Amino acid sequence: MKPRVLQLLILACTTAIFTVSCNKLDLSPTNDLTADKVYTSAAGYKQALAKVYGAFALTGNASVGQPDIPAEIIKDEGNSDFLRLYWNLQEITTDEAVWSWQNDAGIQGLHELSWGSINSIINGLYYRSFFQITLCNDFINQSSDDNLSKRGISGADADEVRKFRAEARFIRAYQYAVLMDIYGNPPMVTETTEIGGKDLPKQIARKDLFVYIESELKAIENDLAAPKANEYGRADRAADWALLSRIYLNAEVYTGTARFTDAITYCNKITGAGFSLHGNYRELTIADNNLNKDEFILTINYDGTSTQNYGGTTYLMHGPAHVPADVSGSSGDWGGLRITQQFVNLFADKTGATDTRAQFYMSGQNMDVNDLYTSNDGYSSTKFRNKTRSGGPAPHQDVAKDFSDIDFPLFRLGETYLIYAESVLRGGTGGSLATALDYVNKLRTRAYNGSLTGNITSSALTTDFILDERGRELWYEATRRTDLIRFGKFTTGAYLWAWKGGVKGGTSVNSKYNLFPLPPTDLSANPNLRQNTGY
């Protein structure tokens, strides 16, 4: 990353205060705090840690108008938050999503798998991830034992700050996992990197970045709070295990060496930590889903009054085309998101009357995506609804119903069950086929409202079934692109969907699209960087 960008990111950083309401992490931006005022006590460090977490959910230091990422990098603040950028690259590039707004910056070429190196969404996620890494690096520096000693922070207060430091290291590892998955070979900056120094950041190979992430997560494991012992929305040991299990599942893609046994090891840690499936699948993505502490391992928290922006779950609530406001719990749809017929066909019953995971809006919608940029071509999603489980309004709903209260699950037990099952089927040890089948059938029993009619036998439990089941269970949760790559079905002709490759019936594309390009601005500024092959 070029020094100018790093300096802009640091200058954009201010601190934020978080308060805890109903055991949910709330983020409220403020502009009048500086380092000499904040880093004076454990409470002050907690204020600063809020900005680190807030970079997941916020676009800046106000609802709109004070963006973290300068306009010279991302012109549209509404598409500058982490989740919307990451979601677009993980979902719109697949069978799970298309977006109607043809002139929306960066959209053209994503679903067609024909993007180039100059793309505001692709470049935007790169800078957003590095923005949060920069915040983490600064917090790690500020919370060093030497700085704690200089500031007279000792004893229990110092121990608490060290836990905060472990959380910042976890978030940094998470963002490097995103960069590893999306870009492959990014530059590397840590707390020892001198901002604006003469030595430009060096590029790290994907397999070496994997080793770094793995070592960081193992190093901080025991410094993090025990599972479920932290405030909701903050990382604990189970989040650490969940990220490890996810990168181990994909290790063969990242490094060339399979690590399925390790994936099973960390899944076992999670399943032994007291988590359970939430009883109602459709309550996983609604306005009071902060009550789902039984299943959720780590979430990005959203609040309709204090985290207002046009990304995050506000995007997933408003975005689906033609979904009525009284269904989504919003002020109305944006006519944007739809779903290809190939994905919808994973559900035998598309109405959701049997498998409740089928949450599609069909009235007035064509099933087939005949035109990629026509809003009534393709089913729409009703998965993210800004209503409570009682059917009432969101607890922090703004008067206009413009912003979402729905938290986004970064990790949950349902994914852990599927990682375990796939890893067993791919030859990992430390698990069993019987347990894998039991986990899958637990998910399906929940999906079928407690009925066993959707359960499968051991002969049906194959890796291809797991891919389809991951689609049904985790759709719109930002895993699809990574899954299709792991199964060899993203760029190849092994699986086609509408407008893949820019062809109505779908076609294979160049394998270079398994990775996204690095931003040309960084390549031109930093001679240490080399572009990914083919761009």
Protein backbone atom coordinates (compact mmCIF):
# COMPACT_ATOMS: atom_id res chain seq x y z
CA MET A 1 0.00 0.00 0.00
CA LYS A 2 1.43 3.37 -0.93
CA PRO A 3 2.42 5.72 1.95
CA ARG A 4 0.00 8.43 0.80
CA VAL A 5 -2.93 6.03 1.19
CA LEU A 6 -1.76 4.81 4.57
CA GLN A 7 -1.40 8.41 5.75
CA LEU A 8 -4.91 9.23 4.53
CA LEU A 9 -6.29 6.23 6.36
CA ILE A 10 -4.56 7.18 9.61
CA LEU A 11 -5.73 10.78 9.32
CA ALA A 12 -9.28 9.54 8.78
CA CYS A 13 -9.19 7.57 12.02
CA THR A 14 -10.85 9.04 15.03
CA THR A 15 -12.14 7.16 18.01
CA ALA A 16 -15.66 6.12 18.87
CA ILE A 17 -17.48 5.36 22.10
CA PHE A 18 -19.34 2.13 22.38
CA THR A 19 -22.03 1.52 24.92
CA VAL A 20 -23.73 -1.72 25.72
CA SER A 21 -27.51 -1.84 25.49
CA CYS A 22 -29.39 -5.09 26.01
CA ASN A 23 -26.02 -6.90 25.86
CA LYS A 24 -25.48 -5.77 22.27
CA LEU A 25 -22.43 -3.80 21.14
CA ASP A 26 -23.60 -0.36 20.03
CA LEU A 27 -21.35 1.99 18.07
CA SER A 28 -21.75 5.75 18.29
CA PRO A 29 -19.20 7.89 16.40
CA THR A 30 -17.62 10.96 17.92
CA ASN A 31 -15.04 13.41 16.60
CA ASP A 32 -13.61 15.16 19.66
CA LEU A 33 -11.37 12.44 21.07
CA THR A 34 -7.63 12.25 20.47
CA ALA A 35 -4.98 9.73 21.54
CA ASP A 36 -3.74 11.76 24.51
CA LYS A 37 -7.30 11.93 25.85
CA VAL A 38 -8.27 8.34 25.15
CA TYR A 39 -5.31 6.13 26.10
CA THR A 40 -5.29 7.00 29.79
CA SER A 41 -7.28 4.10 31.26
CA ALA A 42 -8.75 0.72 30.41
CA ALA A 43 -12.04 2.51 29.72
CA GLY A 44 -10.26 4.81 27.28
CA TYR A 45 -8.77 1.86 25.44
CA LYS A 46 -12.23 0.36 25.21
CA GLN A 47 -13.42 3.56 23.54
CA ALA A 48 -10.64 3.25 20.96
CA LEU A 49 -11.37 -0.44 20.40
CA ALA A 50 -14.87 0.60 19.38
CA LYS A 51 -13.49 2.36 16.31
CA VAL A 52 -11.68 -0.83 15.37
CA TYR A 53 -14.97 -2.75 15.52
CA GLY A 54 -16.92 0.17 14.08
CA ALA A 55 -14.95 -0.03 10.84
CA PHE A 56 -17.00 -3.17 10.08
CA ALA A 57 -20.35 -1.39 10.30
CA LEU A 58 -19.74 2.33 9.72
CA THR A 59 -18.63 4.28 6.67
CA GLY A 60 -17.25 7.16 8.69
CA ASN A 61 -17.64 9.45 11.68
CA ALA A 62 -21.22 10.44 10.89
CA SER A 63 -24.20 8.70 9.33
CA VAL A 64 -23.24 10.14 5.96
CA GLY A 65 -20.79 12.85 4.96
CA GLN A 66 -17.61 12.13 6.95
CA PRO A 67 -16.28 8.96 5.29
CA ASP A 68 -13.33 6.98 6.62
CA ILE A 69 -12.11 6.31 3.10
CA PRO A 70 -11.32 9.55 1.23
CA ALA A 71 -13.33 10.37 -1.88
CA GLU A 72 -10.24 10.00 -4.04
CA ILE A 73 -10.37 6.25 -3.26
CA ILE A 74 -14.12 5.47 -3.09
CA LYS A 75 -16.36 8.13 -4.59
CA ASP A 76 -19.67 6.61 -3.41
CA GLU A 77 -19.76 6.55 0.39
CA GLY A 78 -22.93 4.45 0.21
CA ASN A 79 -20.87 1.61 -1.23
CA SER A 80 -17.82 2.08 0.98
CA ASP A 81 -18.63 0.01 4.05
CA PHE A 82 -16.93 -3.35 4.52
CA LEU A 83 -19.93 -5.66 4.28
CA ARG A 84 -21.52 -4.22 1.13
CA LEU A 85 -18.18 -4.28 -0.69
CA TYR A 86 -17.29 -7.79 0.48
CA TRP A 87 -20.83 -9.09 -0.09
CA ASN A 88 -20.88 -7.78 -3.65
CA LEU A 89 -17.67 -9.61 -4.52
CA GLN A 90 -18.76 -12.83 -2.79
CA GLU A 91 -22.35 -12.91 -4.07
CA ILE A 92 -22.93 -10.84 -7.23
CA THR A 93 -20.14 -12.77 -8.92
CA THR A 94 -22.12 -16.01 -8.40
CA ASP A 95 -25.49 -17.66 -9.01
CA GLU A 96 -26.89 -16.15 -5.80
CA ALA A 97 -27.25 -12.52 -6.83
CA VAL A 98 -27.53 -9.98 -9.62
CA TRP A 99 -27.95 -6.22 -9.29
CA SER A 100 -30.24 -4.14 -11.52
CA TRP A 101 -28.45 -0.79 -11.42
CA GLN A 102 -26.35 -1.05 -14.55
CA ASN A 103 -24.74 2.33 -14.02
CA ASP A 104 -23.83 1.69 -10.39
CA ALA A 105 -20.06 2.17 -10.20
CA GLY A 106 -18.23 -1.14 -10.36
CA ILE A 107 -21.27 -3.36 -10.96
CA GLN A 108 -20.86 -4.02 -14.68
CA GLY A 109 -18.63 -7.02 -15.17
CA LEU A 110 -19.04 -8.54 -11.70
CA HIS A 111 -21.79 -11.05 -12.44
CA GLU A 112 -20.46 -11.57 -15.97
CA LEU A 113 -17.00 -12.42 -14.54
CA SER A 114 -15.40 -9.95 -16.92
CA TRP A 115 -14.10 -7.24 -14.60
CA GLY A 116 -10.89 -5.34 -15.16
CA SER A 117 -8.31 -3.93 -12.78
CA ILE A 118 -10.04 -0.54 -12.55
CA ASN A 119 -13.22 -1.19 -10.60
CA SER A 120 -14.44 0.86 -7.64
CA ILE A 121 -15.95 -2.11 -5.77
CA ILE A 122 -12.89 -4.33 -6.21
CA ASN A 123 -10.51 -1.51 -5.35
CA GLY A 124 -12.83 -0.30 -2.58
CA LEU A 125 -12.77 -3.53 -0.59
CA TYR A 126 -8.97 -3.56 -0.77
CA TYR A 127 -8.77 -0.10 0.83
CA ARG A 128 -11.57 -0.78 3.32
CA SER A 129 -9.80 -3.92 4.55
CA PHE A 130 -6.53 -2.05 4.87
CA PHE A 131 -8.30 0.77 6.67
CA GLN A 132 -9.40 -1.63 9.39
CA ILE A 133 -5.95 -3.25 9.45
CA THR A 134 -4.46 0.20 9.92
CA LEU A 135 -6.77 0.85 12.87
CA CYS A 136 -5.78 -2.51 14.34
CA ASN A 137 -2.08 -1.83 13.90
CA ASP A 138 -2.38 1.52 15.65
CA PHE A 139 -4.37 0.01 18.53
CA ILE A 140 -1.84 -2.82 18.90
CA ASN A 141 0.94 -0.27 19.11
CA GLN A 142 -0.91 1.93 21.57
CA SER A 143 -1.67 -1.07 23.79
CA SER A 144 1.87 -2.46 23.91
CA ASP A 145 3.16 -3.38 27.36
CA ASP A 146 5.67 -0.54 27.08
CA ASN A 147 2.95 2.02 26.41
CA LEU A 148 0.76 0.64 29.19
CA SER A 149 3.66 1.02 31.60
CA LYS A 150 4.42 4.58 30.45
CA ARG A 151 0.77 5.51 30.96
CA GLY A 152 0.60 4.03 34.43
CA ILE A 153 -1.86 1.29 33.48
CA SER A 154 -1.16 -1.87 35.45
CA GLY A 155 -2.74 -4.84 37.21
CA ALA A 156 -6.27 -5.83 36.24
CA ASP A 157 -6.63 -2.80 33.96
CA ALA A 158 -3.53 -3.79 32.00
CA ASP A 159 -4.80 -7.36 31.72
CA GLU A 160 -8.08 -6.09 30.32
CA VAL A 161 -6.29 -3.96 27.73
CA ARG A 162 -4.23 -7.00 26.71
CA LYS A 163 -7.50 -8.78 25.94
CA PHE A 164 -8.53 -5.80 23.83
CA ARG A 165 -5.18 -6.09 22.03
CA ALA A 166 -5.87 -9.76 21.28
CA GLU A 167 -9.22 -8.76 19.78
CA ALA A 168 -7.51 -6.20 17.54
CA ARG A 169 -5.07 -8.88 16.41
CA PHE A 170 -8.01 -11.17 15.64
CA ILE A 171 -9.74 -8.51 13.52
CA ARG A 172 -6.48 -7.86 11.68
CA ALA A 173 -6.14 -11.61 11.02
CA TYR A 174 -9.74 -11.71 9.79
CA GLN A 175 -9.11 -8.88 7.32
CA TYR A 176 -5.91 -10.53 6.10
CA ALA A 177 -7.97 -13.70 5.56
CA VAL A 178 -10.33 -11.62 3.40
CA LEU A 179 -7.40 -10.20 1.43
CA MET A 180 -5.88 -13.67 1.05
CA ASP A 181 -9.14 -15.04 -0.30
CA ILE A 182 -10.04 -12.12 -2.57
CA TYR A 183 -6.68 -10.81 -3.85
CA GLY A 184 -4.28 -13.64 -3.04
CA ASN A 185 -1.03 -11.72 -2.74
CA PRO A 186 -1.52 -8.33 -1.05
CA PRO A 187 1.11 -6.10 0.53
CA MET A 188 1.80 -6.70 4.21
CA VAL A 189 1.63 -4.04 6.92
CA THR A 190 1.79 -4.72 10.65
CA GLU A 191 2.24 -2.65 13.80
CA THR A 192 5.97 -2.44 13.00
CA THR A 193 5.40 -0.83 9.58
CA GLU A 194 6.46 2.82 9.56
CA ILE A 195 3.72 5.00 8.13
CA GLY A 196 5.20 7.16 5.40
CA GLY A 197 8.63 5.57 5.84
CA LYS A 198 11.15 5.22 3.04
CA ASP A 199 10.65 1.46 2.78
CA LEU A 200 7.44 0.63 0.93
CA PRO A 201 5.39 -2.36 2.09
CA LYS A 202 6.42 -5.65 0.55
CA GLN A 203 4.07 -8.08 -1.12
CA ILE A 204 3.41 -11.39 0.61
CA ALA A 205 2.72 -14.64 -1.23
CA ARG A 206 -0.66 -16.20 -0.58
CA LYS A 207 0.75 -19.34 1.04
CA ASP A 208 2.97 -17.23 3.32
CA LEU A 209 0.03 -15.04 4.30
CA PHE A 210 -1.84 -18.20 5.26
CA VAL A 211 1.00 -19.15 7.60
CA TYR A 212 0.97 -15.66 9.14
CA ILE A 213 -2.81 -15.71 9.74
CA GLU A 214 -2.66 -19.20 11.21
CA SER A 215 0.20 -18.26 13.55
CA GLU A 216 -1.55 -15.08 14.71
CA LEU A 217 -4.78 -16.91 15.50
CA LYS A 218 -2.95 -19.60 17.44
CA ALA A 219 -0.85 -17.04 19.31
CA ILE A 220 -3.85 -15.09 20.60
CA GLU A 221 -6.20 -18.01 21.26
CA ASN A 222 -5.73 -18.10 25.03
CA ASP A 223 -5.61 -14.30 25.33
CA LEU A 224 -9.16 -13.97 24.03
CA ALA A 225 -12.19 -14.32 26.26
CA ALA A 226 -13.64 -17.80 26.68
CA PRO A 227 -16.53 -18.67 24.34
CA LYS A 228 -19.62 -16.59 25.15
CA ALA A 229 -17.77 -14.73 27.93
CA ASN A 230 -17.37 -11.52 25.91
CA GLU A 231 -19.93 -8.84 25.06
CA TYR A 232 -22.11 -9.69 22.10
CA GLY A 233 -20.44 -8.51 18.91
CA ARG A 234 -16.88 -8.86 20.22
CA ALA A 235 -14.46 -11.62 19.28
CA ASP A 236 -13.75 -14.47 21.67
CA ARG A 237 -11.96 -17.81 21.49
CA ALA A 238 -14.80 -19.40 19.50
CA ALA A 239 -14.47 -16.72 16.80
CA ASP A 240 -10.76 -17.54 16.63
CA TRP A 241 -11.60 -21.24 16.16
CA ALA A 242 -14.24 -20.42 13.56
CA LEU A 243 -11.81 -18.43 11.44
CA LEU A 244 -9.20 -21.17 11.73
CA SER A 245 -11.70 -23.82 10.65
CA ARG A 246 -12.72 -21.68 7.67
CA ILE A 247 -9.18 -21.08 6.40
CA TYR A 248 -8.30 -24.75 6.95
CA LEU A 249 -11.33 -25.76 4.86
CA ASN A 250 -9.93 -23.64 2.00
CA ALA A 251 -6.24 -24.28 2.66
CA GLU A 252 -5.73 -26.35 -0.47
CA VAL A 253 -6.85 -23.39 -2.58
CA TYR A 254 -4.61 -20.98 -0.68
CA THR A 255 -1.48 -23.12 -0.24
CA GLY A 256 -1.78 -26.26 -2.36
CA THR A 257 -1.92 -28.45 0.78
CA ALA A 258 -5.17 -29.82 2.23
CA ARG A 259 -5.80 -29.22 5.95
CA PHE A 260 -9.15 -30.93 6.51
CA THR A 261 -8.02 -32.67 9.70
CA ASP A 262 -7.20 -29.29 11.21
CA ALA A 263 -10.60 -27.97 10.13
CA ILE A 264 -12.26 -30.82 12.02
CA THR A 265 -10.11 -30.15 15.10
CA TYR A 266 -11.33 -26.57 15.37
CA CYS A 267 -14.93 -27.46 14.54
CA ASN A 268 -14.78 -29.88 17.48
CA LYS A 269 -13.61 -27.06 19.74
CA ILE A 270 -16.64 -24.98 18.73
CA THR A 271 -19.19 -27.78 19.06
CA GLY A 272 -17.80 -28.53 22.51
CA ALA A 273 -18.16 -24.93 23.67
CA GLY A 274 -21.89 -24.81 24.41
CA PHE A 275 -23.32 -23.51 21.13
CA SER A 276 -26.57 -24.89 19.71
CA LEU A 277 -28.66 -24.31 16.62
CA HIS A 278 -31.23 -21.57 17.05
CA GLY A 279 -34.67 -23.14 16.82
CA ASN A 280 -36.09 -21.03 13.97
CA TYR A 281 -34.01 -20.50 10.81
CA ARG A 282 -36.01 -17.45 9.77
CA GLU A 283 -35.07 -15.67 13.00
CA LEU A 284 -31.38 -15.69 12.07
CA THR A 285 -31.63 -12.58 9.88
CA ILE A 286 -34.26 -10.33 11.46
CA ALA A 287 -34.17 -7.17 13.56
CA ASP A 288 -33.85 -8.79 16.99
CA ASN A 289 -31.44 -11.52 15.94
CA ASN A 290 -29.08 -10.28 18.66
CA LEU A 291 -31.09 -12.69 20.82
CA ASN A 292 -29.59 -15.63 18.89
CA LYS A 293 -26.60 -16.07 21.19
CA ASP A 294 -27.18 -19.83 21.09
CA GLU A 295 -25.89 -20.05 17.50
CA PHE A 296 -24.06 -16.83 16.69
CA ILE A 297 -20.29 -16.87 17.20
CA LEU A 298 -19.46 -13.38 15.90
CA THR A 299 -21.60 -10.71 14.27
CA ILE A 300 -21.31 -7.30 12.69
CA ASN A 301 -23.80 -5.27 14.72
CA TYR A 302 -26.21 -2.82 13.15
CA ASP A 303 -28.51 -0.33 14.82
CA GLY A 304 -31.13 1.67 12.91
CA THR A 305 -30.28 4.85 14.81
CA SER A 306 -26.52 4.79 15.44
CA THR A 307 -25.04 2.86 12.48
CA GLN A 308 -26.85 4.54 9.63
CA ASN A 309 -25.41 4.03 6.16
CA TYR A 310 -26.50 2.50 2.87
CA GLY A 311 -24.44 -0.64 3.13
CA GLY A 312 -24.45 -3.53 5.56
CA THR A 313 -27.79 -5.18 6.22
CA THR A 314 -29.59 -1.98 5.19
CA TYR A 315 -28.45 -2.95 1.67
CA LEU A 316 -29.72 -6.52 2.14
CA MET A 317 -33.05 -5.25 3.53
CA HIS A 318 -33.74 -2.56 0.89
CA GLY A 319 -31.88 -4.06 -2.06
CA PRO A 320 -34.15 -6.98 -3.12
CA ALA A 321 -36.31 -5.92 -6.04
CA HIS A 322 -40.03 -5.27 -5.53
CA VAL A 323 -40.29 -6.73 -2.02
CA PRO A 324 -43.10 -4.75 -0.32
CA ALA A 325 -42.13 -2.48 2.55
CA ASP A 326 -44.42 -4.30 4.96
CA VAL A 327 -42.56 -7.53 4.21
CA SER A 328 -39.00 -6.17 4.50
CA GLY A 329 -39.78 -3.82 7.38
CA SER A 330 -38.25 -0.95 5.41
CA SER A 331 -39.44 2.21 3.71
CA GLY A 332 -39.44 0.41 0.36
CA ASP A 333 -37.27 -1.55 -2.06
CA TRP A 334 -34.44 -0.27 -4.24
CA GLY A 335 -35.30 -2.55 -7.15
CA GLY A 336 -31.81 -4.02 -7.18
CA LEU A 337 -31.04 -7.53 -5.96
CA ARG A 338 -32.41 -10.64 -7.59
CA ILE A 339 -31.44 -14.32 -7.71
CA THR A 340 -30.71 -16.57 -10.70
CA GLN A 341 -32.99 -19.47 -11.51
CA GLN A 342 -30.12 -21.94 -11.10
CA PHE A 343 -29.73 -21.06 -7.45
CA VAL A 344 -33.47 -20.99 -6.73
CA ASN A 345 -33.68 -24.48 -8.23
CA LEU A 346 -31.60 -25.83 -5.33
CA PHE A 347 -34.88 -25.74 -3.40
CA ALA A 348 -37.41 -28.44 -4.33
CA ASP A 349 -40.16 -26.26 -2.86
CA LYS A 350 -39.48 -22.62 -3.69
CA THR A 351 -42.40 -21.36 -1.57
CA GLY A 352 -40.66 -22.20 1.71
CA ALA A 353 -43.63 -24.24 2.89
CA THR A 354 -41.37 -27.25 3.49
CA ASP A 355 -37.76 -26.01 3.59
CA THR A 356 -38.12 -22.67 5.39
CA ARG A 357 -34.71 -21.53 4.14
CA ALA A 358 -36.40 -20.78 0.80
CA GLN A 359 -37.24 -17.14 1.48
CA PHE A 360 -38.07 -15.79 -1.96
CA TYR A 361 -40.42 -13.08 -3.18
CA MET A 362 -42.14 -14.20 -6.38
CA SER A 363 -45.12 -11.91 -6.97
CA GLY A 364 -44.64 -10.16 -10.31
CA GLN A 365 -41.14 -11.59 -10.70
CA ASN A 366 -40.01 -13.78 -13.57
CA MET A 367 -38.12 -16.84 -12.47
CA ASP A 368 -35.55 -16.63 -15.26
CA VAL A 369 -33.00 -13.84 -15.41
CA ASN A 370 -33.50 -13.13 -19.11
CA ASP A 371 -32.08 -9.63 -18.77
CA LEU A 372 -29.30 -9.11 -16.27
CA TYR A 373 -30.29 -5.52 -15.54
CA THR A 374 -34.10 -5.77 -15.48
CA SER A 375 -35.43 -5.64 -11.93
CA ASN A 376 -38.30 -8.10 -12.35
CA ASP A 377 -36.12 -10.81 -13.88
CA GLY A 378 -35.27 -13.26 -11.11
CA TYR A 379 -36.74 -14.03 -7.71
CA SER A 380 -36.03 -11.61 -4.86
CA SER A 381 -34.92 -12.30 -1.31
CA THR A 382 -36.96 -11.85 1.86
CA LYS A 383 -34.21 -13.33 4.05
CA PHE A 384 -33.17 -10.06 5.72
CA ARG A 385 -36.27 -8.51 7.29
CA ASN A 386 -36.19 -5.50 9.59
CA LYS A 387 -38.87 -6.88 11.89
CA THR A 388 -38.77 -8.69 15.21
CA ARG A 389 -39.75 -12.31 15.77
CA SER A 390 -43.14 -11.10 17.01
CA GLY A 391 -43.69 -9.29 13.71
CA GLY A 392 -43.24 -5.86 15.25
CA PRO A 393 -40.94 -3.01 14.15
CA ALA A 394 -37.19 -3.06 14.67
CA PRO A 395 -36.21 -2.04 18.23
CA HIS A 396 -34.01 0.85 17.05
CA GLN A 397 -35.98 1.68 13.93
CA ASP A 398 -35.59 5.24 12.64
CA VAL A 399 -38.87 6.97 11.92
CA ALA A 400 -38.44 6.69 8.15
CA LYS A 401 -37.60 2.96 8.30
CA ASP A 402 -34.54 3.66 6.18
CA PHE A 403 -31.90 1.77 8.19
CA SER A 404 -31.51 -1.75 9.47
CA ASP A 405 -31.31 -3.25 12.96
CA ILE A 406 -30.32 -6.66 11.57
CA ASP A 407 -26.94 -7.99 12.72
CA PHE A 408 -24.89 -9.89 10.16
CA PRO A 409 -23.47 -13.26 11.26
CA LEU A 410 -19.80 -13.50 10.32
CA PHE A 411 -19.63 -16.92 11.97
CA ARG A 412 -22.38 -19.19 13.27
CA LEU A 413 -22.73 -22.82 14.30
CA GLY A 414 -24.62 -23.80 11.14
CA GLU A 415 -21.49 -23.12 9.09
CA THR A 416 -19.36 -25.07 11.58
CA TYR A 417 -21.56 -28.14 11.08
CA LEU A 418 -21.10 -27.92 7.32
CA ILE A 419 -17.33 -27.37 7.54
CA TYR A 420 -17.09 -30.48 9.73
CA ALA A 421 -19.18 -32.58 7.33
CA GLU A 422 -17.27 -31.51 4.22
CA SER A 423 -13.90 -32.01 5.90
CA VAL A 424 -14.85 -35.56 6.94
CA LEU A 425 -16.02 -36.36 3.40
CA ARG A 426 -12.75 -35.02 2.00
CA GLY A 427 -10.69 -37.37 4.17
CA GLY A 428 -9.97 -35.36 7.30
CA THR A 429 -9.47 -37.35 10.48
CA GLY A 430 -10.74 -36.71 13.99
CA GLY A 431 -14.38 -36.85 12.97
CA SER A 432 -16.85 -39.43 11.77
CA LEU A 433 -19.33 -39.85 8.95
CA ALA A 434 -22.03 -40.60 11.51
CA THR A 435 -21.50 -37.24 13.22
CA ALA A 436 -21.28 -35.47 9.85
CA LEU A 437 -24.63 -36.93 8.86
CA ASP A 438 -26.11 -36.01 12.23
CA TYR A 439 -24.97 -32.39 11.85
CA VAL A 440 -26.43 -32.09 8.34
CA ASN A 441 -29.72 -33.62 9.44
CA LYS A 442 -29.89 -31.27 12.44
CA LEU A 443 -29.74 -28.37 9.97
CA ARG A 444 -32.37 -29.94 7.76
CA THR A 445 -34.67 -30.79 10.67
CA ARG A 446 -34.57 -27.14 11.71
CA ALA A 447 -35.16 -26.04 8.11
CA TYR A 448 -38.20 -28.34 7.89
CA ASN A 449 -39.75 -26.93 11.10
CA GLY A 450 -38.84 -29.94 13.19
CA SER A 451 -39.96 -32.52 10.66
CA LEU A 452 -37.63 -35.38 9.75
CA THR A 453 -38.98 -35.55 6.19
CA GLY A 454 -36.05 -33.55 4.85
CA ASN A 455 -33.39 -35.73 6.46
CA ILE A 456 -31.01 -37.65 4.23
CA THR A 457 -29.28 -41.03 4.45
CA SER A 458 -25.55 -41.63 4.46
CA SER A 459 -25.58 -42.58 0.76
CA ALA A 460 -26.81 -39.08 -0.12
CA LEU A 461 -24.08 -37.35 1.88
CA THR A 462 -21.57 -36.40 -0.81
CA THR A 463 -19.37 -33.38 -1.37
CA ASP A 464 -21.70 -32.16 -4.14
CA PHE A 465 -24.61 -32.42 -1.72
CA ILE A 466 -22.61 -30.35 0.79
CA LEU A 467 -22.07 -27.60 -1.79
CA ASP A 468 -25.80 -27.44 -2.47
CA GLU A 469 -26.59 -27.58 1.25
CA ARG A 470 -24.15 -24.76 1.95
CA GLY A 471 -26.06 -22.80 -0.69
CA ARG A 472 -29.39 -23.50 0.99
CA GLU A 473 -28.15 -22.87 4.53
CA LEU A 474 -25.73 -19.96 4.02
CA TRP A 475 -27.12 -18.10 1.03
CA TYR A 476 -26.62 -14.34 1.12
CA GLU A 477 -24.12 -14.77 3.97
CA ALA A 478 -21.07 -13.97 1.78
CA THR A 479 -19.58 -17.43 1.32
CA ARG A 480 -20.75 -18.49 -2.17
CA ARG A 481 -17.80 -17.39 -4.35
CA THR A 482 -15.28 -19.00 -2.02
CA ASP A 483 -17.33 -22.22 -1.96
CA LEU A 484 -17.62 -22.43 -5.76
CA ILE A 485 -13.87 -21.90 -6.14
CA ARG A 486 -13.12 -24.67 -3.63
CA PHE A 487 -15.35 -27.04 -5.61
CA GLY A 488 -13.83 -26.06 -8.97
CA LYS A 489 -17.11 -24.59 -10.22
CA PHE A 490 -16.56 -20.83 -10.20
CA THR A 491 -14.74 -20.15 -13.48
CA THR A 492 -15.01 -23.58 -15.12
CA GLY A 493 -17.84 -25.08 -17.17
CA ALA A 494 -18.64 -27.60 -14.40
CA TYR A 495 -21.50 -25.38 -13.21
CA LEU A 496 -23.21 -22.65 -15.21
CA TRP A 497 -25.71 -19.99 -14.24
CA ALA A 498 -27.50 -17.18 -16.04
CA TRP A 499 -25.10 -14.62 -17.51
CA LYS A 500 -21.95 -16.25 -16.13
CA GLY A 501 -19.33 -15.15 -18.64
CA GLY A 502 -21.76 -12.62 -20.12
CA VAL A 503 -23.80 -15.34 -21.88
CA LYS A 504 -27.49 -15.86 -21.08
CA GLY A 505 -27.07 -19.60 -20.56
CA GLY A 506 -23.69 -19.23 -18.87
CA THR A 507 -20.21 -20.21 -20.00
CA SER A 508 -16.78 -20.90 -18.56
CA VAL A 509 -14.35 -18.02 -18.15
CA ASN A 510 -10.61 -17.48 -17.75
CA SER A 511 -9.27 -18.94 -14.50
CA LYS A 512 -7.68 -15.58 -13.69
CA TYR A 513 -11.09 -14.56 -12.28
CA ASN A 514 -10.53 -16.85 -9.29
CA LEU A 515 -8.65 -13.83 -7.93
CA PHE A 516 -9.38 -10.12 -8.12
CA PRO A 517 -6.74 -7.62 -9.27
CA LEU A 518 -4.77 -5.32 -7.02
CA PRO A 519 -5.62 -1.61 -7.45
CA PRO A 520 -3.52 -0.03 -10.24
CA THR A 521 -2.89 3.03 -8.03
CA ASP A 522 -0.92 0.93 -5.56
CA LEU A 523 0.95 -0.87 -8.32
CA SER A 524 2.09 2.41 -9.82
CA ALA A 525 3.14 3.80 -6.43
CA ASN A 526 4.83 0.72 -4.99
CA PRO A 527 7.41 -1.11 -7.14
CA ASN A 528 7.38 -4.01 -4.64
CA LEU A 529 3.94 -5.08 -5.91
CA ARG A 530 3.20 -7.35 -8.86
CA GLN A 531 -0.27 -7.65 -10.38
CA ASN A 532 -2.11 -10.95 -10.25
CA THR A 533 -1.70 -13.06 -13.38
CA GLY A 534 -3.85 -12.05 -16.32
CA TYR A 535 -4.66 -8.48 -15.31
